[in-house]
């Protein structure tokens, strides 16, 4: 049976880190339901999971959990799946003629591993070299947050951040490094609490050895205030 074959394939992969595309896998009908409709459906599904685990949903502490989880999924931790929440990134002329790289480092990353739906927590460091336009600093943080708020693999997240800024700034000269802990590794499976995962994506001039080294040196700077 196909189901048995699919199960065997998934079991064979185990904890291997699998990524399929730089685009988040979405169905064509992903946005036919409203957020409220999605919350109602997910609420029932969470209730079913909890009841299957043997939990008493009549307990005062648990009775509101299915609704809370459903709202969290739709409005918060997976809110980046909704294109309406994509940040508008207005650009401005680089009138001060700043020609060096701009680095926004230590951007907090809260995401969710798409393999086990457990948290990914870390820092992103993003840089670009102006091609005549600049973008507001907070928009760089918002772009990171938008793509993080969806089921992710870290490699895809890194690429999506770079591609979006390349599109916004109309330049290939964008780079991103992410250093993050994956709770699917830290809290289950191998349970290695000390390991973290580092990914990078370099575009344009950042592929050049000297420029890449300059960027990596910047993100090592101690900025404790």
C-alpha atoms as a PDB file:
ATOM      1  CA  UNK A   1       0.000   0.000   0.000  1.00  0.00           C
ATOM      2  CA  UNK A   2       1.130   3.587  -0.681  1.00  0.00           C
ATOM      3  CA  UNK A   3       0.632   4.561   2.956  1.00  0.00           C
ATOM      4  CA  UNK A   4       2.962   1.795   4.097  1.00  0.00           C
ATOM      5  CA  UNK A   5       5.587   2.862   1.539  1.00  0.00           C
ATOM      6  CA  UNK A   6       5.348   6.513   2.639  1.00  0.00           C
ATOM      7  CA  UNK A   7       5.701   5.486   6.279  1.00  0.00           C
ATOM      8  CA  UNK A   8       8.753   3.391   5.459  1.00  0.00           C
ATOM      9  CA  UNK A   9      10.338   6.300   3.590  1.00  0.00           C
ATOM     10  CA  UNK A  10       9.754   8.689   6.514  1.00  0.00           C
ATOM     11  CA  UNK A  11      11.073   6.181   9.044  1.00  0.00           C
ATOM     12  CA  UNK A  12      14.160   5.608   6.889  1.00  0.00           C
ATOM     13  CA  UNK A  13      14.920   9.326   6.889  1.00  0.00           C
ATOM     14  CA  UNK A  14      14.785   9.397  10.680  1.00  0.00           C
ATOM     15  CA  UNK A  15      16.307  12.615  11.996  1.00  0.00           C
ATOM     16  CA  UNK A  16      18.086  13.456   8.751  1.00  0.00           C
ATOM     17  CA  UNK A  17      17.795  17.120   7.792  1.00  0.00           C
ATOM     18  CA  UNK A  18      15.799  17.278   4.568  1.00  0.00           C
ATOM     19  CA  UNK A  19      15.091  20.380   2.511  1.00  0.00           C
ATOM     20  CA  UNK A  20      13.238  20.411  -0.777  1.00  0.00           C
ATOM     21  CA  UNK A  21      13.179  23.973  -2.096  1.00  0.00           C
ATOM     22  CA  UNK A  22      14.136  27.565  -1.331  1.00  0.00           C
ATOM     23  CA  UNK A  23      10.400  28.331  -1.428  1.00  0.00           C
ATOM     24  CA  UNK A  24       8.142  27.314   1.443  1.00  0.00           C
ATOM     25  CA  UNK A  25       6.046  24.320   0.258  1.00  0.00           C
ATOM     26  CA  UNK A  26       2.475  25.600   0.015  1.00  0.00           C
ATOM     27  CA  UNK A  27      -0.688  24.112  -1.490  1.00  0.00           C
ATOM     28  CA  UNK A  28      -2.582  26.026  -4.170  1.00  0.00           C
ATOM     29  CA  UNK A  29      -5.611  26.355  -1.855  1.00  0.00           C
ATOM     30  CA  UNK A  30      -3.538  27.622   1.089  1.00  0.00           C
ATOM     31  CA  UNK A  31      -5.479  30.880   1.417  1.00  0.00           C
ATOM     32  CA  UNK A  32      -9.032  29.808   0.642  1.00  0.00           C
ATOM     33  CA  UNK A  33      -9.885  29.605   4.355  1.00  0.00           C
ATOM     34  CA  UNK A  34      -9.981  32.672   6.563  1.00  0.00           C
ATOM     35  CA  UNK A  35      -7.804  32.865   9.659  1.00  0.00           C
ATOM     36  CA  UNK A  36     -10.878  32.312  11.847  1.00  0.00           C
ATOM     37  CA  UNK A  37     -11.839  29.201   9.897  1.00  0.00           C
ATOM     38  CA  UNK A  38      -8.316  27.824  10.210  1.00  0.00           C
ATOM     39  CA  UNK A  39      -8.326  28.455  13.961  1.00  0.00           C
ATOM     40  CA  UNK A  40     -11.607  26.550  14.387  1.00  0.00           C
ATOM     41  CA  UNK A  41     -10.296  23.547  12.437  1.00  0.00           C
ATOM     42  CA  UNK A  42      -6.899  23.469  14.166  1.00  0.00           C
ATOM     43  CA  UNK A  43      -8.583  23.824  17.576  1.00  0.00           C
ATOM     44  CA  UNK A  44     -10.504  20.587  16.980  1.00  0.00           C
ATOM     45  CA  UNK A  45      -7.367  18.833  15.741  1.00  0.00           C
ATOM     46  CA  UNK A  46      -5.360  19.875  18.810  1.00  0.00           C
ATOM     47  CA  UNK A  47      -8.192  18.721  21.059  1.00  0.00           C
ATOM     48  CA  UNK A  48      -8.132  15.339  19.319  1.00  0.00           C
ATOM     49  CA  UNK A  49      -4.362  15.020  19.813  1.00  0.00           C
ATOM     50  CA  UNK A  50      -4.628  15.865  23.502  1.00  0.00           C
ATOM     51  CA  UNK A  51      -7.526  13.483  24.062  1.00  0.00           C
ATOM     52  CA  UNK A  52      -5.640  10.731  22.226  1.00  0.00           C
ATOM     53  CA  UNK A  53      -2.724  11.268  24.620  1.00  0.00           C
ATOM     54  CA  UNK A  54      -5.148  10.697  27.481  1.00  0.00           C
ATOM     55  CA  UNK A  55      -5.379  14.248  28.776  1.00  0.00           C
ATOM     56  CA  UNK A  56      -8.526  15.451  30.541  1.00  0.00           C
ATOM     57  CA  UNK A  57      -9.769  18.462  28.572  1.00  0.00           C
ATOM     58  CA  UNK A  58     -12.338  19.192  31.286  1.00  0.00           C
ATOM     59  CA  UNK A  59      -9.532  20.236  33.634  1.00  0.00           C
ATOM     60  CA  UNK A  60      -9.459  24.008  34.147  1.00  0.00           C
ATOM     61  CA  UNK A  61      -5.787  24.192  33.161  1.00  0.00           C
ATOM     62  CA  UNK A  62      -6.282  22.327  29.856  1.00  0.00           C
ATOM     63  CA  UNK A  63      -9.728  23.244  28.587  1.00  0.00           C
ATOM     64  CA  UNK A  64      -8.513  26.415  26.847  1.00  0.00           C
ATOM     65  CA  UNK A  65      -5.355  24.876  25.365  1.00  0.00           C
ATOM     66  CA  UNK A  66      -6.758  23.789  21.965  1.00  0.00           C
ATOM     67  CA  UNK A  67      -8.001  27.328  21.220  1.00  0.00           C
ATOM     68  CA  UNK A  68      -4.794  28.930  22.504  1.00  0.00           C
ATOM     69  CA  UNK A  69      -2.616  26.645  20.361  1.00  0.00           C
ATOM     70  CA  UNK A  70      -4.755  27.216  17.272  1.00  0.00           C
ATOM     71  CA  UNK A  71      -4.581  31.001  17.628  1.00  0.00           C
ATOM     72  CA  UNK A  72      -0.837  30.805  18.237  1.00  0.00           C
ATOM     73  CA  UNK A  73      -0.308  28.718  15.089  1.00  0.00           C
ATOM     74  CA  UNK A  74      -2.333  30.977  12.800  1.00  0.00           C
ATOM     75  CA  UNK A  75      -1.631  34.438  14.236  1.00  0.00           C
ATOM     76  CA  UNK A  76       1.840  34.110  15.704  1.00  0.00           C
ATOM     77  CA  UNK A  77       4.414  31.380  15.115  1.00  0.00           C
ATOM     78  CA  UNK A  78       3.141  30.554  11.607  1.00  0.00           C
ATOM     79  CA  UNK A  79       1.941  34.059  10.770  1.00  0.00           C
ATOM     80  CA  UNK A  80       4.681  34.343   8.152  1.00  0.00           C
ATOM     81  CA  UNK A  81       2.711  31.992   5.899  1.00  0.00           C
ATOM     82  CA  UNK A  82       0.193  34.791   5.349  1.00  0.00           C
ATOM     83  CA  UNK A  83       1.358  37.072   2.501  1.00  0.00           C
ATOM     84  CA  UNK A  84      -0.768  39.881   3.942  1.00  0.00           C
ATOM     85  CA  UNK A  85       1.695  40.050   6.840  1.00  0.00           C
ATOM     86  CA  UNK A  86       4.718  40.511   4.608  1.00  0.00           C
ATOM     87  CA  UNK A  87       6.463  43.739   5.712  1.00  0.00           C
ATOM     88  CA  UNK A  88       6.466  46.594   3.252  1.00  0.00           C
ATOM     89  CA  UNK A  89      10.096  47.561   2.820  1.00  0.00           C
ATOM     90  CA  UNK A  90      10.263  51.111   1.510  1.00  0.00           C
ATOM     91  CA  UNK A  91      13.627  52.141   0.121  1.00  0.00           C
ATOM     92  CA  UNK A  92      15.273  55.559   0.006  1.00  0.00           C
ATOM     93  CA  UNK A  93      17.906  57.175  -2.155  1.00  0.00           C
ATOM     94  CA  UNK A  94      21.403  56.794  -0.755  1.00  0.00           C
ATOM     95  CA  UNK A  95      21.850  60.572  -0.692  1.00  0.00           C
ATOM     96  CA  UNK A  96      24.746  60.456   1.754  1.00  0.00           C
ATOM     97  CA  UNK A  97      26.650  58.250  -0.729  1.00  0.00           C
ATOM     98  CA  UNK A  98      27.569  55.635   1.851  1.00  0.00           C
ATOM     99  CA  UNK A  99      29.522  53.077  -0.180  1.00  0.00           C
ATOM    100  CA  UNK A 100      30.583  50.488   2.389  1.00  0.00           C
ATOM    101  CA  UNK A 101      28.619  47.520   3.635  1.00  0.00           C
ATOM    102  CA  UNK A 102      25.868  47.996   6.188  1.00  0.00           C
ATOM    103  CA  UNK A 103      25.566  45.214   8.752  1.00  0.00           C
ATOM    104  CA  UNK A 104      22.602  44.544  11.023  1.00  0.00           C
ATOM    105  CA  UNK A 105      23.730  41.861  13.436  1.00  0.00           C
ATOM    106  CA  UNK A 106      22.289  39.873  16.315  1.00  0.00           C
ATOM    107  CA  UNK A 107      18.742  39.927  14.932  1.00  0.00           C
ATOM    108  CA  UNK A 108      16.726  37.544  17.094  1.00  0.00           C
ATOM    109  CA  UNK A 109      15.368  34.520  15.233  1.00  0.00           C
ATOM    110  CA  UNK A 110      12.377  32.585  16.550  1.00  0.00           C
ATOM    111  CA  UNK A 111      11.302  29.938  14.078  1.00  0.00           C
ATOM    112  CA  UNK A 112       9.898  26.399  14.016  1.00  0.00           C
ATOM    113  CA  UNK A 113      11.509  23.268  12.595  1.00  0.00           C
ATOM    114  CA  UNK A 114       9.173  21.857   9.952  1.00  0.00           C
ATOM    115  CA  UNK A 115      10.239  18.263  10.702  1.00  0.00           C
ATOM    116  CA  UNK A 116       9.161  18.108  14.355  1.00  0.00           C
ATOM    117  CA  UNK A 117       7.409  21.475  14.903  1.00  0.00           C
ATOM    118  CA  UNK A 118       9.874  22.374  17.650  1.00  0.00           C
ATOM    119  CA  UNK A 119      11.500  25.800  18.114  1.00  0.00           C
ATOM    120  CA  UNK A 120      14.558  27.136  16.331  1.00  0.00           C
ATOM    121  CA  UNK A 121      16.110  29.976  18.359  1.00  0.00           C
ATOM    122  CA  UNK A 122      19.144  32.014  17.374  1.00  0.00           C
ATOM    123  CA  UNK A 123      20.618  35.115  15.804  1.00  0.00           C
ATOM    124  CA  UNK A 124      20.750  36.370  12.220  1.00  0.00           C
ATOM    125  CA  UNK A 125      23.403  38.722  10.851  1.00  0.00           C
ATOM    126  CA  UNK A 126      22.453  40.513   7.636  1.00  0.00           C
ATOM    127  CA  UNK A 127      24.463  42.864   5.426  1.00  0.00           C
ATOM    128  CA  UNK A 128      24.212  44.666   2.104  1.00  0.00           C
ATOM    129  CA  UNK A 129      26.157  47.109  -0.040  1.00  0.00           C
ATOM    130  CA  UNK A 130      24.016  49.890  -1.446  1.00  0.00           C
ATOM    131  CA  UNK A 131      23.376  50.023  -5.172  1.00  0.00           C
ATOM    132  CA  UNK A 132      21.931  53.523  -4.862  1.00  0.00           C
ATOM    133  CA  UNK A 133      19.142  52.761  -2.399  1.00  0.00           C
ATOM    134  CA  UNK A 134      18.950  51.977   1.305  1.00  0.00           C
ATOM    135  CA  UNK A 135      16.277  50.387   3.477  1.00  0.00           C
ATOM    136  CA  UNK A 136      15.200  51.239   7.014  1.00  0.00           C
ATOM    137  CA  UNK A 137      17.105  49.255   9.620  1.00  0.00           C
ATOM    138  CA  UNK A 138      13.983  47.925  11.332  1.00  0.00           C
ATOM    139  CA  UNK A 139      12.749  46.538   8.003  1.00  0.00           C
ATOM    140  CA  UNK A 140      15.709  44.164   7.961  1.00  0.00           C
ATOM    141  CA  UNK A 141      14.606  42.810  11.328  1.00  0.00           C
ATOM    142  CA  UNK A 142      11.018  42.550  10.116  1.00  0.00           C
ATOM    143  CA  UNK A 143      12.015  40.622   7.000  1.00  0.00           C
ATOM    144  CA  UNK A 144      13.933  38.126   9.145  1.00  0.00           C
ATOM    145  CA  UNK A 145      10.956  37.783  11.483  1.00  0.00           C
ATOM    146  CA  UNK A 146       8.451  37.351   8.636  1.00  0.00           C
ATOM    147  CA  UNK A 147      10.269  34.441   7.015  1.00  0.00           C
ATOM    148  CA  UNK A 148      11.099  32.909  10.408  1.00  0.00           C
ATOM    149  CA  UNK A 149       7.431  32.751  11.383  1.00  0.00           C
ATOM    150  CA  UNK A 150       6.609  29.627   9.387  1.00  0.00           C
ATOM    151  CA  UNK A 151       7.636  25.966   9.467  1.00  0.00           C
ATOM    152  CA  UNK A 152      11.255  26.176   8.324  1.00  0.00           C
ATOM    153  CA  UNK A 153      14.581  24.595   7.671  1.00  0.00           C
ATOM    154  CA  UNK A 154      17.417  26.959   8.506  1.00  0.00           C
ATOM    155  CA  UNK A 155      18.999  26.738   5.053  1.00  0.00           C
ATOM    156  CA  UNK A 156      15.785  27.883   3.383  1.00  0.00           C
ATOM    157  CA  UNK A 157      15.280  30.690   5.892  1.00  0.00           C
ATOM    158  CA  UNK A 158      18.783  32.031   5.192  1.00  0.00           C
ATOM    159  CA  UNK A 159      18.200  31.980   1.428  1.00  0.00           C
ATOM    160  CA  UNK A 160      14.751  33.594   1.678  1.00  0.00           C
ATOM    161  CA  UNK A 161      16.090  36.512   3.709  1.00  0.00           C
ATOM    162  CA  UNK A 162      18.840  37.180   1.157  1.00  0.00           C
ATOM    163  CA  UNK A 163      16.514  36.869  -1.852  1.00  0.00           C
ATOM    164  CA  UNK A 164      13.967  39.245  -0.341  1.00  0.00           C
ATOM    165  CA  UNK A 165      16.564  41.918   0.416  1.00  0.00           C
ATOM    166  CA  UNK A 166      18.096  41.515  -3.039  1.00  0.00           C
ATOM    167  CA  UNK A 167      14.661  42.142  -4.506  1.00  0.00           C
ATOM    168  CA  UNK A 168      13.925  45.104  -2.212  1.00  0.00           C
ATOM    169  CA  UNK A 169      17.303  46.787  -2.728  1.00  0.00           C
ATOM    170  CA  UNK A 170      17.744  45.825  -6.396  1.00  0.00           C
ATOM    171  CA  UNK A 171      21.230  44.492  -5.754  1.00  0.00           C
ATOM    172  CA  UNK A 172      22.900  41.096  -5.553  1.00  0.00           C
ATOM    173  CA  UNK A 173      25.230  42.374  -2.815  1.00  0.00           C
ATOM    174  CA  UNK A 174      23.446  40.887   0.203  1.00  0.00           C
ATOM    175  CA  UNK A 175      24.625  38.366   2.799  1.00  0.00           C
ATOM    176  CA  UNK A 176      23.135  36.540   5.758  1.00  0.00           C
ATOM    177  CA  UNK A 177      24.552  34.263   8.460  1.00  0.00           C
ATOM    178  CA  UNK A 178      22.314  32.514  10.999  1.00  0.00           C
ATOM    179  CA  UNK A 179      23.508  30.736  14.140  1.00  0.00           C
ATOM    180  CA  UNK A 180      20.681  28.907  15.888  1.00  0.00           C
ATOM    181  CA  UNK A 181      19.776  26.118  18.258  1.00  0.00           C
ATOM    182  CA  UNK A 182      17.256  23.507  17.103  1.00  0.00           C
ATOM    183  CA  UNK A 183      15.202  22.010  19.910  1.00  0.00           C
ATOM    184  CA  UNK A 184      14.587  18.934  17.750  1.00  0.00           C
ATOM    185  CA  UNK A 185      18.309  18.257  18.355  1.00  0.00           C
ATOM    186  CA  UNK A 186      18.657  19.821  21.814  1.00  0.00           C
ATOM    187  CA  UNK A 187      15.553  18.436  23.554  1.00  0.00           C
ATOM    188  CA  UNK A 188      14.852  15.114  21.800  1.00  0.00           C
ATOM    189  CA  UNK A 189      16.634  12.545  19.655  1.00  0.00           C
ATOM    190  CA  UNK A 190      20.361  12.947  20.326  1.00  0.00           C
ATOM    191  CA  UNK A 191      19.586  15.589  22.991  1.00  0.00           C
ATOM    192  CA  UNK A 192      22.776  17.532  22.429  1.00  0.00           C
ATOM    193  CA  UNK A 193      22.072  20.725  24.356  1.00  0.00           C
ATOM    194  CA  UNK A 194      25.301  22.490  23.375  1.00  0.00           C
ATOM    195  CA  UNK A 195      25.265  22.221  19.579  1.00  0.00           C
ATOM    196  CA  UNK A 196      24.041  24.954  17.247  1.00  0.00           C
ATOM    197  CA  UNK A 197      23.650  25.187  13.474  1.00  0.00           C
ATOM    198  CA  UNK A 198      25.300  27.870  11.316  1.00  0.00           C
ATOM    199  CA  UNK A 199      24.100  28.636   7.783  1.00  0.00           C
ATOM    200  CA  UNK A 200      25.145  31.337   5.339  1.00  0.00           C
ATOM    201  CA  UNK A 201      24.159  32.790   1.995  1.00  0.00           C
ATOM    202  CA  UNK A 202      26.388  35.236   0.119  1.00  0.00           C
ATOM    203  CA  UNK A 203      25.358  37.197  -2.960  1.00  0.00           C
ATOM    204  CA  UNK A 204      27.260  39.436  -5.375  1.00  0.00           C
ATOM    205  CA  UNK A 205      30.354  41.063  -3.877  1.00  0.00           C
ATOM    206  CA  UNK A 206      29.968  39.016  -0.710  1.00  0.00           C
ATOM    207  CA  UNK A 207      31.151  35.962  -2.648  1.00  0.00           C
ATOM    208  CA  UNK A 208      34.549  37.675  -2.943  1.00  0.00           C
ATOM    209  CA  UNK A 209      36.997  36.481  -0.292  1.00  0.00           C
ATOM    210  CA  UNK A 210      37.939  39.926   1.021  1.00  0.00           C
ATOM    211  CA  UNK A 211      34.373  41.228   1.292  1.00  0.00           C
ATOM    212  CA  UNK A 212      33.161  38.011   2.894  1.00  0.00           C
ATOM    213  CA  UNK A 213      35.972  38.176   5.459  1.00  0.00           C
ATOM    214  CA  UNK A 214      35.123  41.815   6.285  1.00  0.00           C
ATOM    215  CA  UNK A 215      31.492  40.871   6.926  1.00  0.00           C
ATOM    216  CA  UNK A 216      32.427  37.898   9.104  1.00  0.00           C
ATOM    217  CA  UNK A 217      34.832  40.077  11.086  1.00  0.00           C
ATOM    218  CA  UNK A 218      32.095  42.652  11.712  1.00  0.00           C
ATOM    219  CA  UNK A 219      29.712  40.090  13.203  1.00  0.00           C
ATOM    220  CA  UNK A 220      32.414  39.011  15.652  1.00  0.00           C
ATOM    221  CA  UNK A 221      32.573  42.511  17.164  1.00  0.00           C
ATOM    222  CA  UNK A 222      31.535  42.742  20.804  1.00  0.00           C
ATOM    223  CA  UNK A 223      28.604  45.163  20.975  1.00  0.00           C
ATOM    224  CA  UNK A 224      27.819  44.933  24.677  1.00  0.00           C
ATOM    225  CA  UNK A 225      26.564  48.305  25.932  1.00  0.00           C
END
